[in-house]
C-alpha atoms as a PDB file:
ATOM      1  CA  MET A   1      10.329 -24.006  -2.687  1.00  0.00           C
ATOM      2  CA  THR A   2      12.088 -23.027  -5.519  1.00  0.00           C
ATOM      3  CA  ALA A   3      11.019 -18.975  -6.658  1.00  0.00           C
ATOM      4  CA  ALA A   4       9.640 -18.879 -10.397  1.00  0.00           C
ATOM      5  CA  LYS A   5      12.424 -17.821 -13.118  1.00  0.00           C
ATOM      6  CA  ARG A   6      11.945 -14.518 -13.892  1.00  0.00           C
ATOM      7  CA  THR A   7      10.321 -13.859 -17.280  1.00  0.00           C
ATOM      8  CA  PHE A   8       7.572 -11.588 -18.904  1.00  0.00           C
ATOM      9  CA  SER A   9       4.841 -14.019 -19.751  1.00  0.00           C
ATOM     10  CA  SER A  10       2.117 -14.545 -18.339  1.00  0.00           C
ATOM     11  CA  THR A  11      -0.935 -17.526 -17.844  1.00  0.00           C
ATOM     12  CA  ASN A  12      -2.864 -14.403 -16.453  1.00  0.00           C
ATOM     13  CA  THR A  13      -6.030 -13.846 -18.698  1.00  0.00           C
ATOM     14  CA  GLU A  14      -6.178  -9.995 -18.091  1.00  0.00           C
ATOM     15  CA  PRO A  15      -2.754  -8.411 -19.817  1.00  0.00           C
ATOM     16  CA  LEU A  16      -2.565  -5.351 -18.324  1.00  0.00           C
ATOM     17  CA  ASN A  17      -2.146  -7.116 -14.599  1.00  0.00           C
ATOM     18  CA  HIS A  18       1.073  -7.748 -15.572  1.00  0.00           C
ATOM     19  CA  PRO A  19       2.694  -6.638 -18.243  1.00  0.00           C
ATOM     20  CA  THR A  20       4.956  -8.545 -21.081  1.00  0.00           C
ATOM     21  CA  THR A  21       6.963  -5.864 -22.431  1.00  0.00           C
ATOM     22  CA  GLU A  22       8.728  -5.941 -25.954  1.00  0.00           C
ATOM     23  CA  PRO A  23      10.100  -2.404 -27.932  1.00  0.00           C
ATOM     24  CA  PRO A  24       9.178  -3.001 -31.173  1.00  0.00           C
ATOM     25  CA  ALA A  25      12.368  -3.075 -32.965  1.00  0.00           C
ATOM     26  CA  SER A  26      14.047  -4.767 -30.319  1.00  0.00           C
ATOM     27  CA  PRO A  27      12.559  -8.150 -29.648  1.00  0.00           C
ATOM     28  CA  GLY A  28      15.742  -9.906 -28.193  1.00  0.00           C
ATOM     29  CA  TYR A  29      16.025  -6.586 -25.171  1.00  0.00           C
ATOM     30  CA  PRO A  30      17.831  -7.320 -22.089  1.00  0.00           C
ATOM     31  CA  LEU A  31      15.848  -8.066 -18.673  1.00  0.00           C
ATOM     32  CA  PRO A  32      16.994  -4.675 -17.485  1.00  0.00           C
ATOM     33  CA  VAL A  33      13.648  -2.251 -18.854  1.00  0.00           C
ATOM     34  CA  LYS A  34      11.053  -0.439 -16.914  1.00  0.00           C
ATOM     35  CA  LEU A  35       7.407  -1.161 -16.984  1.00  0.00           C
ATOM     36  CA  LEU A  36       4.695   1.172 -17.649  1.00  0.00           C
ATOM     37  CA  ARG A  37       0.655   1.152 -17.719  1.00  0.00           C
ATOM     38  CA  PHE A  38      -0.002   4.321 -19.403  1.00  0.00           C
ATOM     39  CA  GLU A  39      -3.033   6.222 -21.110  1.00  0.00           C
ATOM     40  CA  LEU A  40      -2.647   8.557 -24.251  1.00  0.00           C
ATOM     41  CA  ARG A  41      -3.476  12.135 -23.505  1.00  0.00           C
ATOM     42  CA  ASN A  42      -5.202  12.215 -26.327  1.00  0.00           C
ATOM     43  CA  GLU A  43      -6.793   9.324 -25.582  1.00  0.00           C
ATOM     44  CA  PRO A  44      -8.055   8.800 -22.146  1.00  0.00           C
ATOM     45  CA  GLY A  45      -9.687   6.279 -20.674  1.00  0.00           C
ATOM     46  CA  ARG A  46      -7.923   3.580 -22.365  1.00  0.00           C
ATOM     47  CA  ALA A  47      -4.744   1.761 -20.370  1.00  0.00           C
ATOM     48  CA  ARG A  48      -1.804   0.641 -22.177  1.00  0.00           C
ATOM     49  CA  SER A  49       0.856  -1.217 -21.486  1.00  0.00           C
ATOM     50  CA  GLY A  50       4.550  -0.747 -22.233  1.00  0.00           C
ATOM     51  CA  ILE A  51       7.902  -0.198 -21.207  1.00  0.00           C
ATOM     52  CA  VAL A  52      10.478   3.482 -21.238  1.00  0.00           C
ATOM     53  CA  ALA A  53      13.802   2.689 -23.002  1.00  0.00           C
ATOM     54  CA  SER A  54      15.916   6.485 -24.063  1.00  0.00           C
ATOM     55  CA  GLY A  55      12.901   9.184 -23.513  1.00  0.00           C
ATOM     56  CA  ARG A  56      10.148   6.953 -25.037  1.00  0.00           C
ATOM     57  CA  VAL A  57       7.249   4.515 -24.135  1.00  0.00           C
ATOM     58  CA  TYR A  58       7.143   1.453 -26.491  1.00  0.00           C
ATOM     59  CA  GLU A  59       3.455   0.655 -26.486  1.00  0.00           C
ATOM     60  CA  THR A  60       2.971  -3.309 -25.649  1.00  0.00           C
ATOM     61  CA  GLU A  61       0.286  -6.351 -26.510  1.00  0.00           C
ATOM     62  CA  GLY A  62       0.443  -9.840 -26.406  1.00  0.00           C
ATOM     63  CA  GLY A  63       4.093  -9.474 -26.276  1.00  0.00           C
ATOM     64  CA  GLN A  64       4.214  -7.808 -28.905  1.00  0.00           C
ATOM     65  CA  GLY A  65       5.205  -4.035 -30.062  1.00  0.00           C
ATOM     66  CA  VAL A  66       2.303  -2.741 -31.117  1.00  0.00           C
ATOM     67  CA  GLY A  67       3.600   1.519 -31.255  1.00  0.00           C
ATOM     68  CA  MET A  68       5.825   3.817 -29.808  1.00  0.00           C
ATOM     69  CA  HIS A  69       5.305   6.977 -28.207  1.00  0.00           C
ATOM     70  CA  GLU A  70       7.151  10.461 -27.049  1.00  0.00           C
ATOM     71  CA  ALA A  71       6.856  10.694 -22.927  1.00  0.00           C
ATOM     72  CA  ALA A  72       5.023  13.752 -23.357  1.00  0.00           C
ATOM     73  CA  ALA A  73       1.733  11.715 -25.330  1.00  0.00           C
ATOM     74  CA  VAL A  74       1.588   9.731 -22.260  1.00  0.00           C
ATOM     75  CA  ARG A  75      -0.078   9.781 -18.736  1.00  0.00           C
ATOM     76  CA  PRO A  76       1.021   7.290 -16.437  1.00  0.00           C
ATOM     77  CA  LEU A  77      -1.216   4.778 -14.602  1.00  0.00           C
ATOM     78  CA  VAL A  78      -1.361   2.373 -11.467  1.00  0.00           C
ATOM     79  CA  PRO A  79       1.724  -0.141 -12.838  1.00  0.00           C
ATOM     80  CA  VAL A  80      -0.507  -3.089 -11.343  1.00  0.00           C
ATOM     81  CA  ALA A  81      -4.090  -2.734 -12.700  1.00  0.00           C
ATOM     82  CA  LYS A  82      -4.908  -4.735  -9.817  1.00  0.00           C
ATOM     83  CA  ALA A  83      -3.259  -6.007  -7.004  1.00  0.00           C
ATOM     84  CA  PRO A  84      -4.658  -8.962  -5.039  1.00  0.00           C
ATOM     85  CA  SER A  85      -3.228  -7.319  -1.333  1.00  0.00           C
ATOM     86  CA  LEU A  86      -1.048  -4.859  -0.127  1.00  0.00           C
ATOM     87  CA  ARG A  87       1.419  -6.244   3.100  1.00  0.00           C
ATOM     88  CA  LEU A  88       3.388  -2.860   4.570  1.00  0.00           C
ATOM     89  CA  PHE A  89       6.466  -3.803   6.520  1.00  0.00           C
ATOM     90  CA  ARG A  90       7.453  -1.292   8.551  1.00  0.00           C
ATOM     91  CA  ALA A  91      10.633  -0.764   9.777  1.00  0.00           C
ATOM     92  CA  ASP A  92      10.081   0.839  13.385  1.00  0.00           C
ATOM     93  CA  HIS A  93       8.130  -3.039  13.651  1.00  0.00           C
ATOM     94  CA  GLN A  94      10.860  -5.019  12.671  1.00  0.00           C
ATOM     95  CA  PRO A  95      12.856  -7.529  15.533  1.00  0.00           C
ATOM     96  CA  ALA A  96      16.192  -6.112  16.024  1.00  0.00           C
ATOM     97  CA  PHE A  97      17.700  -8.938  13.653  1.00  0.00           C
ATOM     98  CA  LEU A  98      16.564 -11.379  11.283  1.00  0.00           C
ATOM     99  CA  SER A  99      18.693 -14.704  10.569  1.00  0.00           C
ATOM    100  CA  PRO A 100      17.391 -16.994   7.424  1.00  0.00           C
ATOM    101  CA  LEU A 101      16.258 -19.302  10.277  1.00  0.00           C
ATOM    102  CA  ASP A 102      14.062 -16.509  11.309  1.00  0.00           C
ATOM    103  CA  GLU A 103      12.358 -15.753   7.911  1.00  0.00           C
ATOM    104  CA  ASP A 104       8.671 -16.151   9.776  1.00  0.00           C
ATOM    105  CA  GLN A 105       9.741 -13.505  11.859  1.00  0.00           C
ATOM    106  CA  ALA A 106       9.405 -10.085  10.222  1.00  0.00           C
ATOM    107  CA  VAL A 107       6.640  -8.173  10.801  1.00  0.00           C
ATOM    108  CA  TYR A 108       3.611  -6.634   8.672  1.00  0.00           C
ATOM    109  CA  PHE A 109       0.281  -5.260   8.557  1.00  0.00           C
ATOM    110  CA  TYR A 110      -1.990  -4.862   5.252  1.00  0.00           C
ATOM    111  CA  GLY A 111      -3.069  -2.143   3.746  1.00  0.00           C
ATOM    112  CA  ASN A 112      -6.123  -1.379   1.429  1.00  0.00           C
ATOM    113  CA  ALA A 113      -5.097  -2.705  -2.246  1.00  0.00           C
ATOM    114  CA  SER A 114      -8.094  -0.914  -3.479  1.00  0.00           C
ATOM    115  CA  SER A 115      -6.438   2.047  -2.535  1.00  0.00           C
ATOM    116  CA  LEU A 116      -3.217   1.699  -4.713  1.00  0.00           C
ATOM    117  CA  ILE A 117      -3.289   5.014  -7.252  1.00  0.00           C
ATOM    118  CA  GLY A 118      -1.071   6.024 -10.341  1.00  0.00           C
ATOM    119  CA  PRO A 119       0.929   8.890 -10.235  1.00  0.00           C
ATOM    120  CA  SER A 120      -0.062  12.627  -9.366  1.00  0.00           C
ATOM    121  CA  GLN A 121      -3.176  12.180  -8.567  1.00  0.00           C
ATOM    122  CA  LEU A 122      -5.664  14.705  -6.908  1.00  0.00           C
ATOM    123  CA  VAL A 123      -6.397  13.448  -3.409  1.00  0.00           C
ATOM    124  CA  VAL A 124      -9.484  14.918  -1.199  1.00  0.00           C
ATOM    125  CA  PRO A 125      -8.703  13.524   2.179  1.00  0.00           C
ATOM    126  CA  PRO A 126     -11.655  12.218   4.889  1.00  0.00           C
ATOM    127  CA  PRO A 127     -13.051  14.762   7.452  1.00  0.00           C
ATOM    128  CA  TYR A 128     -11.520  12.517  10.106  1.00  0.00           C
ATOM    129  CA  ALA A 129      -8.076  13.150   9.146  1.00  0.00           C
ATOM    130  CA  ARG A 130      -6.576  16.028  11.155  1.00  0.00           C
ATOM    131  CA  GLU A 131      -3.105  14.897  11.335  1.00  0.00           C
ATOM    132  CA  LEU A 132      -2.544  13.833   8.179  1.00  0.00           C
ATOM    133  CA  THR A 133       1.189  12.500   6.723  1.00  0.00           C
ATOM    134  CA  PHE A 134       2.203  10.583   4.201  1.00  0.00           C
ATOM    135  CA  GLU A 135       5.287   7.273   4.778  1.00  0.00           C
ATOM    136  CA  ALA A 136       7.255   6.401   1.544  1.00  0.00           C
ATOM    137  CA  TYR A 137       8.323   2.469   0.861  1.00  0.00           C
ATOM    138  CA  MET A 138       9.818   0.995  -1.836  1.00  0.00           C
ATOM    139  CA  ALA A 139       7.773  -1.430  -2.742  1.00  0.00           C
ATOM    140  CA  ALA A 140       8.070  -4.848  -4.818  1.00  0.00           C
ATOM    141  CA  VAL A 141       5.940  -6.394  -6.925  1.00  0.00           C
ATOM    142  CA  ILE A 142       4.986  -9.868  -7.368  1.00  0.00           C
ATOM    143  CA  LEU A 143       5.430 -12.148 -10.613  1.00  0.00           C
ATOM    144  CA  GLY A 144       3.944 -15.739  -9.589  1.00  0.00           C
ATOM    145  CA  ASP A 145       2.095 -17.554  -7.347  1.00  0.00           C
ATOM    146  CA  ALA A 146       4.236 -19.044  -4.517  1.00  0.00           C
ATOM    147  CA  HIS A 147       3.806 -20.409  -1.451  1.00  0.00           C
ATOM    148  CA  ARG A 148       6.295 -20.986   1.564  1.00  0.00           C
ATOM    149  CA  VAL A 149       9.095 -19.765  -0.084  1.00  0.00           C
ATOM    150  CA  ASP A 150      12.798 -20.123   1.154  1.00  0.00           C
ATOM    151  CA  VAL A 151      14.314 -17.021   2.083  1.00  0.00           C
ATOM    152  CA  GLU A 152      17.895 -17.883  -0.456  1.00  0.00           C
ATOM    153  CA  ASP A 153      14.537 -18.227  -2.909  1.00  0.00           C
ATOM    154  CA  ALA A 154      13.149 -14.835  -2.626  1.00  0.00           C
ATOM    155  CA  ASP A 155      14.309 -12.713  -4.624  1.00  0.00           C
ATOM    156  CA  GLY A 156      13.672 -14.680  -7.769  1.00  0.00           C
ATOM    157  CA  LEU A 157      10.079 -13.795  -6.988  1.00  0.00           C
ATOM    158  CA  VAL A 158      10.442 -10.369  -7.336  1.00  0.00           C
ATOM    159  CA  LEU A 159       9.401  -8.880 -10.812  1.00  0.00           C
ATOM    160  CA  GLY A 160      10.236  -5.527  -9.770  1.00  0.00           C
ATOM    161  CA  PHE A 161      10.344  -2.606  -7.716  1.00  0.00           C
ATOM    162  CA  SER A 162       7.731   0.813  -7.348  1.00  0.00           C
ATOM    163  CA  ILE A 163       7.761   3.560  -5.289  1.00  0.00           C
ATOM    164  CA  LEU A 164       4.631   3.553  -2.588  1.00  0.00           C
ATOM    165  CA  ASN A 165       3.519   6.380  -0.599  1.00  0.00           C
ATOM    166  CA  VAL A 166       0.746   6.373   1.825  1.00  0.00           C
ATOM    167  CA  LEU A 167      -1.123   8.638   3.381  1.00  0.00           C
ATOM    168  CA  VAL A 168      -1.777   7.980   6.736  1.00  0.00           C
ATOM    169  CA  ALA A 169      -4.131   9.733   9.564  1.00  0.00           C
ATOM    170  CA  ARG A 170      -1.682   9.761  12.606  1.00  0.00           C
ATOM    171  CA  ASP A 171      -4.312  10.788  14.711  1.00  0.00           C
ATOM    172  CA  VAL A 172      -6.412   8.110  13.983  1.00  0.00           C
ATOM    173  CA  GLU A 173      -3.570   6.128  14.019  1.00  0.00           C
ATOM    174  CA  ARG A 174      -2.789   6.531  17.529  1.00  0.00           C
ATOM    175  CA  MET A 175      -6.526   5.747  18.197  1.00  0.00           C
ATOM    176  CA  GLU A 176      -6.155   2.340  16.764  1.00  0.00           C
ATOM    177  CA  ARG A 177      -2.570   1.572  18.303  1.00  0.00           C
ATOM    178  CA  ALA A 178      -3.996   2.337  21.854  1.00  0.00           C
ATOM    179  CA  LEU A 179      -7.639   0.215  21.020  1.00  0.00           C
ATOM    180  CA  GLY A 180      -5.146  -2.721  20.578  1.00  0.00           C
ATOM    181  CA  ALA A 181      -7.013  -3.390  17.393  1.00  0.00           C
ATOM    182  CA  GLY A 182      -5.084  -2.816  14.394  1.00  0.00           C
ATOM    183  CA  TYR A 183      -4.653  -0.259  11.683  1.00  0.00           C
ATOM    184  CA  GLY A 184      -7.832   0.483   9.199  1.00  0.00           C
ATOM    185  CA  ARG A 185      -9.001   3.658   8.439  1.00  0.00           C
ATOM    186  CA  ALA A 186      -4.953   5.616   9.584  1.00  0.00           C
ATOM    187  CA  TYR A 187      -4.122   3.754   6.530  1.00  0.00           C
ATOM    188  CA  ASP A 188      -7.431   3.790   4.262  1.00  0.00           C
ATOM    189  CA  ILE A 189      -6.703   6.996   3.045  1.00  0.00           C
ATOM    190  CA  ALA A 190      -4.935   6.525  -0.584  1.00  0.00           C
ATOM    191  CA  ALA A 191      -1.791   4.690  -1.179  1.00  0.00           C
ATOM    192  CA  ALA A 192       0.367   6.313  -5.051  1.00  0.00           C
ATOM    193  CA  LEU A 193       2.421   3.255  -6.697  1.00  0.00           C
ATOM    194  CA  GLY A 194       4.168   4.411  -9.495  1.00  0.00           C
ATOM    195  CA  PRO A 195       5.774   5.720 -11.989  1.00  0.00           C
ATOM    196  CA  VAL A 196       6.964   2.707 -13.034  1.00  0.00           C
ATOM    197  CA  ILE A 197       8.642  -1.089 -12.735  1.00  0.00           C
ATOM    198  CA  THR A 198      11.584  -1.182 -12.449  1.00  0.00           C
ATOM    199  CA  THR A 199      13.045  -4.651 -13.200  1.00  0.00           C
ATOM    200  CA  PRO A 200      15.718  -5.878 -10.436  1.00  0.00           C
ATOM    201  CA  ASP A 201      18.616  -6.481 -13.229  1.00  0.00           C
ATOM    202  CA  GLU A 202      18.100  -2.415 -13.498  1.00  0.00           C
ATOM    203  CA  LEU A 203      19.478  -2.402  -9.995  1.00  0.00           C
ATOM    204  CA  GLU A 204      22.620  -4.345  -9.761  1.00  0.00           C
ATOM    205  CA  ASP A 205      25.128  -1.617  -9.389  1.00  0.00           C
ATOM    206  CA  GLN A 206      22.765  -0.439  -6.186  1.00  0.00           C
ATOM    207  CA  LEU A 207      23.531  -3.701  -4.509  1.00  0.00           C
ATOM    208  CA  SER A 208      24.539  -3.158  -0.770  1.00  0.00           C
ATOM    209  CA  ASP A 209      24.139  -6.019   0.481  1.00  0.00           C
ATOM    210  CA  GLN A 210      23.134  -9.783  -0.106  1.00  0.00           C
ATOM    211  CA  GLU A 211      23.898 -11.765   3.084  1.00  0.00           C
ATOM    212  CA  PHE A 212      19.960 -12.111   3.916  1.00  0.00           C
ATOM    213  CA  GLY A 213      19.039 -11.164   0.849  1.00  0.00           C
ATOM    214  CA  ARG A 214      19.548  -8.212  -2.799  1.00  0.00           C
ATOM    215  CA  GLN A 215      20.128  -5.360  -0.263  1.00  0.00           C
ATOM    216  CA  TYR A 216      19.463  -2.126  -2.362  1.00  0.00           C
ATOM    217  CA  GLY A 217      21.335   1.148  -1.668  1.00  0.00           C
ATOM    218  CA  LEU A 218      18.854   3.781  -3.251  1.00  0.00           C
ATOM    219  CA  SER A 219      19.121   7.101  -2.469  1.00  0.00           C
ATOM    220  CA  ALA A 220      15.590   9.026  -1.486  1.00  0.00           C
ATOM    221  CA  VAL A 221      13.738  12.090  -0.913  1.00  0.00           C
ATOM    222  CA  ALA A 222      10.446  13.723  -0.077  1.00  0.00           C
ATOM    223  CA  ARG A 223       9.067  16.857  -1.340  1.00  0.00           C
ATOM    224  CA  VAL A 224       6.780  19.020   0.349  1.00  0.00           C
ATOM    225  CA  ASN A 225       5.042  21.903  -2.312  1.00  0.00           C
ATOM    226  CA  GLY A 226       9.103  21.720  -3.963  1.00  0.00           C
ATOM    227  CA  VAL A 227      10.696  22.010  -0.581  1.00  0.00           C
ATOM    228  CA  GLU A 228      12.828  18.697   0.605  1.00  0.00           C
ATOM    229  CA  ARG A 229      11.269  17.957   4.298  1.00  0.00           C
ATOM    230  CA  ALA A 230      13.284  14.326   4.822  1.00  0.00           C
ATOM    231  CA  ARG A 231      15.575  12.285   2.967  1.00  0.00           C
ATOM    232  CA  GLY A 232      17.331   9.049   3.215  1.00  0.00           C
ATOM    233  CA  THR A 233      18.474   5.410   2.009  1.00  0.00           C
ATOM    234  CA  THR A 234      16.781   1.944   1.659  1.00  0.00           C
ATOM    235  CA  SER A 235      19.993   0.367   2.259  1.00  0.00           C
ATOM    236  CA  ASP A 236      18.944   1.438   6.391  1.00  0.00           C
ATOM    237  CA  LEU A 237      15.850  -0.812   6.061  1.00  0.00           C
ATOM    238  CA  PRO A 238      16.060  -3.289   8.907  1.00  0.00           C
ATOM    239  CA  ILE A 239      15.312  -6.638   6.347  1.00  0.00           C
ATOM    240  CA  THR A 240      16.079  -7.318   3.030  1.00  0.00           C
ATOM    241  CA  PHE A 241      12.820  -8.179   0.409  1.00  0.00           C
ATOM    242  CA  ALA A 242      13.688 -11.322   0.313  1.00  0.00           C
ATOM    243  CA  GLN A 243      13.332 -12.101   3.936  1.00  0.00           C
ATOM    244  CA  ALA A 244       9.626 -10.117   3.745  1.00  0.00           C
ATOM    245  CA  ILE A 245       8.332 -12.493   1.012  1.00  0.00           C
ATOM    246  CA  SER A 246       9.594 -15.362   2.682  1.00  0.00           C
ATOM    247  CA  THR A 247       7.443 -14.058   5.933  1.00  0.00           C
ATOM    248  CA  ALA A 248       4.807 -12.964   3.689  1.00  0.00           C
ATOM    249  CA  SER A 249       4.443 -16.867   1.898  1.00  0.00           C
ATOM    250  CA  GLN A 250       4.611 -18.982   5.101  1.00  0.00           C
ATOM    251  CA  SER A 251       0.784 -18.518   6.029  1.00  0.00           C
ATOM    252  CA  CYS A 252      -1.005 -17.848   2.457  1.00  0.00           C
ATOM    253  CA  PRO A 253       0.207 -18.323  -0.968  1.00  0.00           C
ATOM    254  CA  LEU A 254       1.532 -14.948  -2.701  1.00  0.00           C
ATOM    255  CA  ARG A 255      -0.220 -14.552  -6.054  1.00  0.00           C
ATOM    256  CA  GLU A 256       0.978 -12.570  -8.701  1.00  0.00           C
ATOM    257  CA  SER A 257       1.282  -8.786  -9.051  1.00  0.00           C
ATOM    258  CA  ASP A 258       0.776  -9.123  -5.386  1.00  0.00           C
ATOM    259  CA  VAL A 259       2.678  -5.635  -3.840  1.00  0.00           C
ATOM    260  CA  ILE A 260       5.105  -5.603  -1.081  1.00  0.00           C
ATOM    261  CA  ALA A 261       6.486  -2.571   0.738  1.00  0.00           C
ATOM    262  CA  LEU A 262       9.146  -1.980   3.041  1.00  0.00           C
ATOM    263  CA  GLY A 263      10.049   1.824   4.574  1.00  0.00           C
ATOM    264  CA  PRO A 264       9.926   4.302   5.800  1.00  0.00           C
ATOM    265  CA  ILE A 265      13.028   4.900   3.413  1.00  0.00           C
ATOM    266  CA  VAL A 266      12.618   9.188   4.230  1.00  0.00           C
ATOM    267  CA  GLN A 267      13.309  10.094   7.954  1.00  0.00           C
ATOM    268  CA  SER A 268      12.571  13.980   9.267  1.00  0.00           C
ATOM    269  CA  ASP A 269      13.615  15.247  12.512  1.00  0.00           C
ATOM    270  CA  GLN A 270      10.281  17.405  12.491  1.00  0.00           C
ATOM    271  CA  PRO A 271       6.645  15.553  12.503  1.00  0.00           C
ATOM    272  CA  ILE A 272       5.637  15.957   8.871  1.00  0.00           C
ATOM    273  CA  LEU A 273       1.304  17.025   8.704  1.00  0.00           C
ATOM    274  CA  LEU A 274      -0.039  18.017   5.302  1.00  0.00           C
ATOM    275  CA  ASP A 275      -2.430  20.904   4.394  1.00  0.00           C
ATOM    276  CA  GLU A 276      -4.739  20.781   1.641  1.00  0.00           C
ATOM    277  CA  GLY A 277      -3.560  22.398  -1.851  1.00  0.00           C
ATOM    278  CA  ASP A 278       0.288  20.359  -0.452  1.00  0.00           C
ATOM    279  CA  GLU A 279       1.870  18.673  -3.356  1.00  0.00           C
ATOM    280  CA  VAL A 280       4.327  15.755  -2.007  1.00  0.00           C
ATOM    281  CA  GLN A 281       7.056  14.667  -3.948  1.00  0.00           C
ATOM    282  CA  VAL A 282       9.180  11.252  -3.383  1.00  0.00           C
ATOM    283  CA  ALA A 283      11.507  10.909  -5.231  1.00  0.00           C
ATOM    284  CA  VAL A 284      14.117   7.572  -5.333  1.00  0.00           C
ATOM    285  CA  GLU A 285      17.285   6.692  -6.912  1.00  0.00           C
ATOM    286  CA  SER A 286      17.345   4.384 -10.126  1.00  0.00           C
ATOM    287  CA  LEU A 287      13.227   4.210  -9.575  1.00  0.00           C
ATOM    288  CA  GLY A 288      12.194   7.861 -10.355  1.00  0.00           C
ATOM    289  CA  THR A 289       9.391  10.804  -9.098  1.00  0.00           C
ATOM    290  CA  LEU A 290       5.893   9.820  -7.492  1.00  0.00           C
ATOM    291  CA  SER A 291       3.704  12.819  -6.894  1.00  0.00           C
ATOM    292  CA  LEU A 292       0.547  13.118  -5.187  1.00  0.00           C
ATOM    293  CA  LYS A 293      -1.650  16.501  -4.272  1.00  0.00           C
ATOM    294  CA  LEU A 294      -4.208  17.342  -2.025  1.00  0.00           C
ATOM    295  CA  GLY A 295      -7.206  18.489  -3.036  1.00  0.00           C
ATOM    296  CA  ASN A 296      -9.874  20.244  -0.741  1.00  0.00           C
ATOM    297  CA  GLN A 297     -12.769  19.105   0.968  1.00  0.00           C
ATOM    298  CA  ILE A 298     -16.033  19.468   0.089  1.00  0.00           C
END
């Protein structure tokens, strides 16, 4: 199957789920852009769409520019209004080597798309999570519906990339793994996505390999309460997004705004356990910085 051509129009009747973007003064803007869902700080509760350029946010509606806002005036929201699914391709689950002929052999499990939250949100951890940690991923947002996509076509299905930070109850994960039941409550707490969707054209200079699809060399760092705790690079990922997308499309069709994540993209020599009140920041080169904070259990 041939992948969809990357454009910024959509037949989706929910405009916030797949933003069309056009700065009001530049209808012929180039494809490299950063897409943003946001609300105005002085008008909370109304989700808007736009792009980020030169430190400003250009609001769009129906593909037309409708206004410009200073960055300090907006609050970023989760960049996908309603993701149909969330698939996690963990590096330690993958076969040692995947060729283009093995596109159906990459391994993934489902996260809870309803657990997706935006940047800088407060998360109250559940009482059962006694060993709470996080896993940072590079995430791709799917441009349109597709089924049984070949690896060589799969990169064309990517609308853009973002950062995903998943809270994980490591003690529950061990129990679920021992029972052979698959992951459930361990990954069902919260997953921050954002702060923007960066289109692939913005990352052309960070390409490190293209043998099995586009591989990006983006440095990443995670900090807890401002202290660096983990570091890594996306070039160490054992599979490409093209291989992951092809794998995911072999069974059920992919849907517009599906989220496919590869990671973890940062590693630490020591386990990182989080406490109430901790703030986690994940910064990825060219993608931005994503934060979340843990609240106190009631």
